[in-house]
């Protein structure tokens, strides 16, 4: 017994029938086309991930500048408020 109740002999017979129907040249072309499609898909997925990472890095740099500026402004405001309170007392 092989895959799901199909023996190795049944698989070989199916393979021979497929080769007789389509021929080795057509099967080879189908295989190479399928391989090229998979390679193209993988490379586009890698490129997409790289562009996503680059966009995330750009957003992080933009946001980090805003956070730092905002933090500095808040610190300055707090120190000014503290000085006002101490001078009023």
PDB file of N, CA and C in Angstrom:
ATOM      1  N   UNK A   1       0.835  -1.180   0.000  1.00  0.00           N
ATOM      2  CA  UNK A   1       0.000   0.000   0.000  1.00  0.00           C
ATOM      3  C   UNK A   1       0.877   1.239   0.000  1.00  0.00           C
ATOM      4  N   UNK A   2       0.514   2.167  -0.802  1.00  0.00           N
ATOM      5  CA  UNK A   2       1.257   3.409  -0.921  1.00  0.00           C
ATOM      6  C   UNK A   2       0.459   4.573  -0.361  1.00  0.00           C
ATOM      7  N   UNK A   3       0.321   5.570  -1.139  1.00  0.00           N
ATOM      8  CA  UNK A   3      -0.368   6.787  -0.730  1.00  0.00           C
ATOM      9  C   UNK A   3      -1.879   6.593  -0.761  1.00  0.00           C
ATOM     10  N   UNK A   4      -2.504   6.662   0.378  1.00  0.00           N
ATOM     11  CA  UNK A   4      -3.963   6.603   0.438  1.00  0.00           C
ATOM     12  C   UNK A   4      -4.559   5.348  -0.181  1.00  0.00           C
ATOM     13  N   UNK A   5      -3.916   4.220  -0.061  1.00  0.00           N
ATOM     14  CA  UNK A   5      -4.443   2.984  -0.604  1.00  0.00           C
ATOM     15  C   UNK A   5      -4.036   2.717  -2.042  1.00  0.00           C
ATOM     16  N   UNK A   6      -3.201   3.569  -2.636  1.00  0.00           N
ATOM     17  CA  UNK A   6      -2.728   3.361  -4.006  1.00  0.00           C
ATOM     18  C   UNK A   6      -1.340   2.736  -3.926  1.00  0.00           C
ATOM     19  N   UNK A   7      -1.171   1.611  -4.589  1.00  0.00           N
ATOM     20  CA  UNK A   7       0.128   0.937  -4.547  1.00  0.00           C
ATOM     21  C   UNK A   7       1.094   1.589  -5.528  1.00  0.00           C
ATOM     22  N   UNK A   8       2.357   1.224  -5.411  1.00  0.00           N
ATOM     23  CA  UNK A   8       3.397   1.773  -6.284  1.00  0.00           C
ATOM     24  C   UNK A   8       3.144   1.375  -7.732  1.00  0.00           C
ATOM     25  N   UNK A   9       2.601   0.179  -7.953  1.00  0.00           N
ATOM     26  CA  UNK A   9       2.345  -0.281  -9.319  1.00  0.00           C
ATOM     27  C   UNK A   9       1.239   0.544  -9.976  1.00  0.00           C
ATOM     28  N   UNK A  10       0.244   0.896  -9.207  1.00  0.00           N
ATOM     29  CA  UNK A  10      -0.827   1.728  -9.755  1.00  0.00           C
ATOM     30  C   UNK A  10      -0.298   3.118 -10.112  1.00  0.00           C
ATOM     31  N   UNK A  11       0.574   3.662  -9.280  1.00  0.00           N
ATOM     32  CA  UNK A  11       1.180   4.959  -9.572  1.00  0.00           C
ATOM     33  C   UNK A  11       2.031   4.903 -10.837  1.00  0.00           C
ATOM     34  N   UNK A  12       2.790   3.817 -11.002  1.00  0.00           N
ATOM     35  CA  UNK A  12       3.615   3.668 -12.205  1.00  0.00           C
ATOM     36  C   UNK A  12       2.754   3.566 -13.465  1.00  0.00           C
ATOM     37  N   UNK A  13       1.651   2.833 -13.377  1.00  0.00           N
ATOM     38  CA  UNK A  13       0.755   2.703 -14.531  1.00  0.00           C
ATOM     39  C   UNK A  13       0.163   4.066 -14.893  1.00  0.00           C
ATOM     40  N   UNK A  14      -0.240   4.836 -13.895  1.00  0.00           N
ATOM     41  CA  UNK A  14      -0.775   6.178 -14.143  1.00  0.00           C
ATOM     42  C   UNK A  14       0.290   7.060 -14.786  1.00  0.00           C
ATOM     43  N   UNK A  15       1.521   6.966 -14.311  1.00  0.00           N
ATOM     44  CA  UNK A  15       2.621   7.751 -14.872  1.00  0.00           C
ATOM     45  C   UNK A  15       2.869   7.386 -16.333  1.00  0.00           C
ATOM     46  N   UNK A  16       2.851   6.110 -16.654  1.00  0.00           N
ATOM     47  CA  UNK A  16       3.055   5.667 -18.039  1.00  0.00           C
ATOM     48  C   UNK A  16       1.931   6.189 -18.933  1.00  0.00           C
ATOM     49  N   UNK A  17       0.702   6.142 -18.460  1.00  0.00           N
ATOM     50  CA  UNK A  17      -0.428   6.643 -19.254  1.00  0.00           C
ATOM     51  C   UNK A  17      -0.277   8.141 -19.509  1.00  0.00           C
ATOM     52  N   UNK A  18       0.137   8.890 -18.492  1.00  0.00           N
ATOM     53  CA  UNK A  18       0.332  10.337 -18.654  1.00  0.00           C
ATOM     54  C   UNK A  18       1.427  10.622 -19.667  1.00  0.00           C
ATOM     55  N   UNK A  19       2.531   9.872 -19.598  1.00  0.00           N
ATOM     56  CA  UNK A  19       3.631  10.067 -20.550  1.00  0.00           C
ATOM     57  C   UNK A  19       3.168   9.738 -21.966  1.00  0.00           C
ATOM     58  N   UNK A  20       2.379   8.683 -22.127  1.00  0.00           N
ATOM     59  CA  UNK A  20       1.885   8.324 -23.455  1.00  0.00           C
ATOM     60  C   UNK A  20       0.917   9.375 -23.998  1.00  0.00           C
ATOM     61  N   UNK A  21       0.102   9.947 -23.138  1.00  0.00           N
ATOM     62  CA  UNK A  21      -0.868  10.948 -23.591  1.00  0.00           C
ATOM     63  C   UNK A  21      -0.206  12.260 -23.986  1.00  0.00           C
ATOM     64  N   UNK A  22       0.676  12.744 -23.151  1.00  0.00           N
ATOM     65  CA  UNK A  22       1.241  14.075 -23.371  1.00  0.00           C
ATOM     66  C   UNK A  22       2.602  14.061 -24.053  1.00  0.00           C
ATOM     67  N   UNK A  23       3.355  13.029 -23.878  1.00  0.00           N
ATOM     68  CA  UNK A  23       4.698  12.976 -24.440  1.00  0.00           C
ATOM     69  C   UNK A  23       5.705  13.627 -23.501  1.00  0.00           C
ATOM     70  N   UNK A  24       6.946  13.196 -23.619  1.00  0.00           N
ATOM     71  CA  UNK A  24       7.970  13.685 -22.692  1.00  0.00           C
ATOM     72  C   UNK A  24       8.312  15.145 -22.938  1.00  0.00           C
ATOM     73  N   UNK A  25       8.274  15.580 -24.200  1.00  0.00           N
ATOM     74  CA  UNK A  25       8.635  16.962 -24.502  1.00  0.00           C
ATOM     75  C   UNK A  25       7.630  17.930 -23.881  1.00  0.00           C
ATOM     76  N   UNK A  26       6.350  17.630 -24.031  1.00  0.00           N
ATOM     77  CA  UNK A  26       5.321  18.507 -23.473  1.00  0.00           C
ATOM     78  C   UNK A  26       5.377  18.497 -21.945  1.00  0.00           C
ATOM     79  N   UNK A  27       5.618  17.339 -21.349  1.00  0.00           N
ATOM     80  CA  UNK A  27       5.740  17.263 -19.889  1.00  0.00           C
ATOM     81  C   UNK A  27       6.950  18.056 -19.407  1.00  0.00           C
ATOM     82  N   UNK A  28       8.050  17.993 -20.155  1.00  0.00           N
ATOM     83  CA  UNK A  28       9.250  18.746 -19.800  1.00  0.00           C
ATOM     84  C   UNK A  28       8.973  20.244 -19.866  1.00  0.00           C
ATOM     85  N   UNK A  29       8.253  20.669 -20.919  1.00  0.00           N
ATOM     86  CA  UNK A  29       7.901  22.087 -21.050  1.00  0.00           C
ATOM     87  C   UNK A  29       6.985  22.543 -19.914  1.00  0.00           C
ATOM     88  N   UNK A  30       6.025  21.706 -19.571  1.00  0.00           N
ATOM     89  CA  UNK A  30       5.121  22.047 -18.469  1.00  0.00           C
ATOM     90  C   UNK A  30       5.905  22.159 -17.165  1.00  0.00           C
ATOM     91  N   UNK A  31       6.827  21.235 -16.951  1.00  0.00           N
ATOM     92  CA  UNK A  31       7.642  21.272 -15.739  1.00  0.00           C
ATOM     93  C   UNK A  31       8.516  22.510 -15.661  1.00  0.00           C
ATOM     94  N   UNK A  32       9.139  22.870 -16.781  1.00  0.00           N
ATOM     95  CA  UNK A  32      10.000  24.059 -16.761  1.00  0.00           C
ATOM     96  C   UNK A  32       9.173  25.331 -16.601  1.00  0.00           C
ATOM     97  N   UNK A  33       7.994  25.379 -17.226  1.00  0.00           N
ATOM     98  CA  UNK A  33       7.113  26.540 -17.054  1.00  0.00           C
ATOM     99  C   UNK A  33       6.651  26.673 -15.609  1.00  0.00           C
ATOM    100  N   UNK A  34       6.325  25.553 -15.009  1.00  0.00           N
ATOM    101  CA  UNK A  34       5.903  25.571 -13.611  1.00  0.00           C
ATOM    102  C   UNK A  34       7.049  26.012 -12.705  1.00  0.00           C
ATOM    103  N   UNK A  35       8.254  25.526 -12.980  1.00  0.00           N
ATOM    104  CA  UNK A  35       9.425  25.936 -12.204  1.00  0.00           C
ATOM    105  C   UNK A  35       9.713  27.421 -12.336  1.00  0.00           C
ATOM    106  N   UNK A  36       9.614  27.948 -13.554  1.00  0.00           N
ATOM    107  CA  UNK A  36       9.820  29.387 -13.772  1.00  0.00           C
ATOM    108  C   UNK A  36       8.773  30.217 -13.037  1.00  0.00           C
ATOM    109  N   UNK A  37       7.540  29.740 -13.041  1.00  0.00           N
ATOM    110  CA  UNK A  37       6.472  30.465 -12.345  1.00  0.00           C
ATOM    111  C   UNK A  37       6.733  30.496 -10.844  1.00  0.00           C
ATOM    112  N   UNK A  38       7.196  29.393 -10.291  1.00  0.00           N
ATOM    113  CA  UNK A  38       7.492  29.339  -8.855  1.00  0.00           C
ATOM    114  C   UNK A  38       8.653  30.263  -8.519  1.00  0.00           C
ATOM    115  N   UNK A  39       9.701  30.260  -9.351  1.00  0.00           N
ATOM    116  CA  UNK A  39      10.840  31.156  -9.115  1.00  0.00           C
ATOM    117  C   UNK A  39      10.408  32.615  -9.175  1.00  0.00           C
ATOM    118  N   UNK A  40       9.586  32.945 -10.145  1.00  0.00           N
ATOM    119  CA  UNK A  40       9.099  34.317 -10.284  1.00  0.00           C
ATOM    120  C   UNK A  40       8.259  34.721  -9.075  1.00  0.00           C
ATOM    121  N   UNK A  41       7.424  33.825  -8.620  1.00  0.00           N
ATOM    122  CA  UNK A  41       6.590  34.099  -7.449  1.00  0.00           C
ATOM    123  C   UNK A  41       7.451  34.328  -6.213  1.00  0.00           C
ATOM    124  N   UNK A  42       8.450  33.484  -6.006  1.00  0.00           N
ATOM    125  CA  UNK A  42       9.336  33.638  -4.842  1.00  0.00           C
ATOM    126  C   UNK A  42      10.099  34.955  -4.893  1.00  0.00           C
ATOM    127  N   UNK A  43      10.615  35.309  -6.070  1.00  0.00           N
ATOM    128  CA  UNK A  43      11.379  36.556  -6.169  1.00  0.00           C
ATOM    129  C   UNK A  43      10.479  37.769  -5.950  1.00  0.00           C
ATOM    130  N   UNK A  44       9.250  37.710  -6.442  1.00  0.00           N
ATOM    131  CA  UNK A  44       8.337  38.837  -6.213  1.00  0.00           C
ATOM    132  C   UNK A  44       7.942  38.929  -4.748  1.00  0.00           C
ATOM    133  N   UNK A  45       7.821  37.803  -4.066  1.00  0.00           N
ATOM    134  CA  UNK A  45       7.517  37.829  -2.630  1.00  0.00           C
ATOM    135  C   UNK A  45       8.678  38.437  -1.854  1.00  0.00           C
ATOM    136  N   UNK A  46       9.916  38.098  -2.232  1.00  0.00           N
ATOM    137  CA  UNK A  46      11.087  38.674  -1.562  1.00  0.00           C
ATOM    138  C   UNK A  46      11.160  40.171  -1.816  1.00  0.00           C
ATOM    139  N   UNK A  47      10.908  40.595  -3.054  1.00  0.00           N
ATOM    140  CA  UNK A  47      10.934  42.020  -3.384  1.00  0.00           C
ATOM    141  C   UNK A  47       9.856  42.771  -2.621  1.00  0.00           C
ATOM    142  N   UNK A  48       8.686  42.173  -2.519  1.00  0.00           N
ATOM    143  CA  UNK A  48       7.597  42.795  -1.773  1.00  0.00           C
ATOM    144  C   UNK A  48       7.938  42.948  -0.305  1.00  0.00           C
ATOM    145  N   UNK A  49       8.586  41.936   0.266  1.00  0.00           N
ATOM    146  CA  UNK A  49       8.979  42.013   1.674  1.00  0.00           C
ATOM    147  C   UNK A  49      10.038  43.088   1.867  1.00  0.00           C
ATOM    148  N   UNK A  50      10.948  43.211   0.915  1.00  0.00           N
ATOM    149  CA  UNK A  50      11.996  44.235   1.024  1.00  0.00           C
ATOM    150  C   UNK A  50      11.400  45.634   0.957  1.00  0.00           C
ATOM    151  N   UNK A  51      10.451  45.847   0.057  1.00  0.00           N
ATOM    152  CA  UNK A  51       9.850  47.178  -0.045  1.00  0.00           C
ATOM    153  C   UNK A  51       9.021  47.492   1.192  1.00  0.00           C
ATOM    154  N   UNK A  52       8.353  46.475   1.751  1.00  0.00           N
ATOM    155  CA  UNK A  52       7.601  46.694   2.988  1.00  0.00           C
ATOM    156  C   UNK A  52       8.531  47.078   4.125  1.00  0.00           C
ATOM    157  N   UNK A  53       9.682  46.396   4.217  1.00  0.00           N
ATOM    158  CA  UNK A  53      10.652  46.715   5.263  1.00  0.00           C
ATOM    159  C   UNK A  53      11.207  48.122   5.075  1.00  0.00           C
ATOM    160  N   UNK A  54      11.451  48.507   3.827  1.00  0.00           N
ATOM    161  CA  UNK A  54      11.976  49.851   3.564  1.00  0.00           C
ATOM    162  C   UNK A  54      10.943  50.910   3.941  1.00  0.00           C
ATOM    163  N   UNK A  55       9.674  50.670   3.607  1.00  0.00           N
ATOM    164  CA  UNK A  55       8.621  51.615   3.974  1.00  0.00           C
ATOM    165  C   UNK A  55       8.495  51.720   5.491  1.00  0.00           C
ATOM    166  N   UNK A  56       8.571  50.577   6.181  1.00  0.00           N
ATOM    167  CA  UNK A  56       8.482  50.594   7.640  1.00  0.00           C
ATOM    168  C   UNK A  56       9.646  51.360   8.247  1.00  0.00           C
ATOM    169  N   UNK A  57      10.835  51.185   7.683  1.00  0.00           N
ATOM    170  CA  UNK A  57      12.007  51.895   8.196  1.00  0.00           C
ATOM    171  C   UNK A  57      11.864  53.400   7.990  1.00  0.00           C
ATOM    172  N   UNK A  58      11.347  53.808   6.834  1.00  0.00           N
ATOM    173  CA  UNK A  58      11.142  55.236   6.574  1.00  0.00           C
ATOM    174  C   UNK A  58      10.122  55.825   7.547  1.00  0.00           C
ATOM    175  N   UNK A  59       9.028  55.109   7.773  1.00  0.00           N
ATOM    176  CA  UNK A  59       8.009  55.589   8.707  1.00  0.00           C
ATOM    177  C   UNK A  59       8.580  55.688  10.115  1.00  0.00           C
ATOM    178  N   UNK A  60       9.388  54.712  10.496  1.00  0.00           N
ATOM    179  CA  UNK A  60       9.982  54.715  11.824  1.00  0.00           C
ATOM    180  C   UNK A  60      10.906  55.907  11.991  1.00  0.00           C
ATOM    181  N   UNK A  61      11.700  56.214  10.968  1.00  0.00           N
ATOM    182  CA  UNK A  61      12.592  57.368  11.054  1.00  0.00           C
ATOM    183  C   UNK A  61      11.797  58.663  11.147  1.00  0.00           C
ATOM    184  N   UNK A  62      10.734  58.783  10.368  1.00  0.00           N
ATOM    185  CA  UNK A  62       9.906  59.989  10.422  1.00  0.00           C
ATOM    186  C   UNK A  62       9.252  60.132  11.790  1.00  0.00           C
ATOM    187  N   UNK A  63       8.703  59.029  12.283  1.00  0.00           N
ATOM    188  CA  UNK A  63       8.012  59.076  13.568  1.00  0.00           C
ATOM    189  C   UNK A  63       8.974  59.281  14.726  1.00  0.00           C
ATOM    190  N   UNK A  64      10.164  58.728  14.642  1.00  0.00           N
ATOM    191  CA  UNK A  64      11.111  58.888  15.743  1.00  0.00           C
ATOM    192  C   UNK A  64      11.518  60.350  15.882  1.00  0.00           C
ATOM    193  N   UNK A  65      11.629  61.069  14.782  1.00  0.00           N
ATOM    194  CA  UNK A  65      11.933  62.498  14.847  1.00  0.00           C
ATOM    195  C   UNK A  65      10.806  63.258  15.513  1.00  0.00           C
ATOM    196  N   UNK A  66       9.582  62.900  15.199  1.00  0.00           N
ATOM    197  CA  UNK A  66       8.435  63.568  15.816  1.00  0.00           C
ATOM    198  C   UNK A  66       8.363  63.265  17.304  1.00  0.00           C
ATOM    199  N   UNK A  67       8.646  62.052  17.673  1.00  0.00           N
ATOM    200  CA  UNK A  67       8.592  61.672  19.079  1.00  0.00           C
ATOM    201  C   UNK A  67       9.666  62.415  19.858  1.00  0.00           C
ATOM    202  N   UNK A  68      10.850  62.493  19.299  1.00  0.00           N
ATOM    203  CA  UNK A  68      11.935  63.192  19.986  1.00  0.00           C
ATOM    204  C   UNK A  68      11.590  64.668  20.120  1.00  0.00           C
ATOM    205  N   UNK A  69      11.125  65.295  19.044  1.00  0.00           N
ATOM    206  CA  UNK A  69      10.749  66.706  19.102  1.00  0.00           C
ATOM    207  C   UNK A  69       9.637  66.921  20.115  1.00  0.00           C
ATOM    208  N   UNK A  70       8.634  66.047  20.079  1.00  0.00           N
ATOM    209  CA  UNK A  70       7.529  66.171  21.019  1.00  0.00           C
ATOM    210  C   UNK A  70       7.990  65.987  22.448  1.00  0.00           C
ATOM    211  N   UNK A  71       8.890  65.031  22.662  1.00  0.00           N
ATOM    212  CA  UNK A  71       9.412  64.795  24.003  1.00  0.00           C
ATOM    213  C   UNK A  71      10.209  65.980  24.504  1.00  0.00           C
ATOM    214  N   UNK A  72      10.995  66.583  23.656  1.00  0.00           N
ATOM    215  CA  UNK A  72      11.795  67.750  24.046  1.00  0.00           C
ATOM    216  C   UNK A  72      10.872  68.915  24.360  1.00  0.00           C
ATOM    217  N   UNK A  73       9.860  69.106  23.524  1.00  0.00           N
ATOM    218  CA  UNK A  73       8.918  70.200  23.764  1.00  0.00           C
ATOM    219  C   UNK A  73       8.197  70.005  25.087  1.00  0.00           C
ATOM    220  N   UNK A  74       7.803  68.773  25.379  1.00  0.00           N
ATOM    221  CA  UNK A  74       7.130  68.503  26.648  1.00  0.00           C
ATOM    222  C   UNK A  74       8.067  68.752  27.820  1.00  0.00           C
ATOM    223  N   UNK A  75       9.324  68.334  27.704  1.00  0.00           N
ATOM    224  CA  UNK A  75      10.289  68.547  28.784  1.00  0.00           C
ATOM    225  C   UNK A  75      10.517  70.034  29.018  1.00  0.00           C
ATOM    226  N   UNK A  76      10.620  70.795  27.950  1.00  0.00           N
ATOM    227  CA  UNK A  76      10.823  72.242  28.084  1.00  0.00           C
ATOM    228  C   UNK A  76       9.606  72.867  28.752  1.00  0.00           C
ATOM    229  N   UNK A  77       8.415  72.438  28.327  1.00  0.00           N
ATOM    230  CA  UNK A  77       7.189  72.976  28.906  1.00  0.00           C
ATOM    231  C   UNK A  77       7.116  72.656  30.398  1.00  0.00           C
ATOM    232  N   UNK A  78       7.482  71.430  30.767  1.00  0.00           N
ATOM    233  CA  UNK A  78       7.459  71.038  32.177  1.00  0.00           C
ATOM    234  C   UNK A  78       8.444  71.859  32.990  1.00  0.00           C
ATOM    235  N   UNK A  79       9.641  72.063  32.462  1.00  0.00           N
ATOM    236  CA  UNK A  79      10.625  72.844  33.216  1.00  0.00           C
ATOM    237  C   UNK A  79      10.193  74.297  33.338  1.00  0.00           C
ATOM    238  N   UNK A  80       9.585  74.849  32.305  1.00  0.00           N
ATOM    239  CA  UNK A  80       9.089  76.230  32.376  1.00  0.00           C
ATOM    240  C   UNK A  80       7.970  76.324  33.404  1.00  0.00           C
ATOM    241  N   UNK A  81       7.055  75.351  33.379  1.00  0.00           N
ATOM    242  CA  UNK A  81       5.963  75.350  34.350  1.00  0.00           C
ATOM    243  C   UNK A  81       6.498  75.217  35.775  1.00  0.00           C
ATOM    244  N   UNK A  82       7.498  74.351  35.955  1.00  0.00           N
ATOM    245  CA  UNK A  82       8.103  74.185  37.279  1.00  0.00           C
ATOM    246  C   UNK A  82       8.744  75.482  37.750  1.00  0.00           C
ATOM    247  N   UNK A  83       9.428  76.160  36.872  1.00  0.00           N
ATOM    248  CA  UNK A  83      10.078  77.422  37.243  1.00  0.00           C
ATOM    249  C   UNK A  83       9.039  78.487  37.576  1.00  0.00           C
ATOM    250  N   UNK A  84       7.923  78.494  36.840  1.00  0.00           N
ATOM    251  CA  UNK A  84       6.857  79.452  37.132  1.00  0.00           C
ATOM    252  C   UNK A  84       6.271  79.193  38.515  1.00  0.00           C
ATOM    253  N   UNK A  85       6.073  77.910  38.827  1.00  0.00           N
ATOM    254  CA  UNK A  85       5.495  77.564  40.119  1.00  0.00           C
ATOM    255  C   UNK A  85       6.443  77.915  41.261  1.00  0.00           C
ATOM    256  N   UNK A  86       7.735  77.660  41.076  1.00  0.00           N
ATOM    257  CA  UNK A  86       8.693  77.973  42.139  1.00  0.00           C
ATOM    258  C   UNK A  86       8.857  79.476  42.299  1.00  0.00           C
ATOM    259  N   UNK A  87       8.771  80.231  41.231  1.00  0.00           N
ATOM    260  CA  UNK A  87       8.909  81.683  41.339  1.00  0.00           C
ATOM    261  C   UNK A  87       7.666  82.309  41.964  1.00  0.00           C
ATOM    262  N   UNK A  88       6.509  81.694  41.796  1.00  0.00           N
ATOM    263  CA  UNK A  88       5.271  82.213  42.363  1.00  0.00           C
ATOM    264  C   UNK A  88       5.203  81.954  43.865  1.00  0.00           C
ATOM    265  N   UNK A  89       5.910  80.983  44.362  1.00  0.00           N
ATOM    266  CA  UNK A  89       5.847  80.634  45.782  1.00  0.00           C
ATOM    267  C   UNK A  89       6.745  81.508  46.524  1.00  0.00           C
TER     268      UNK A  89
END
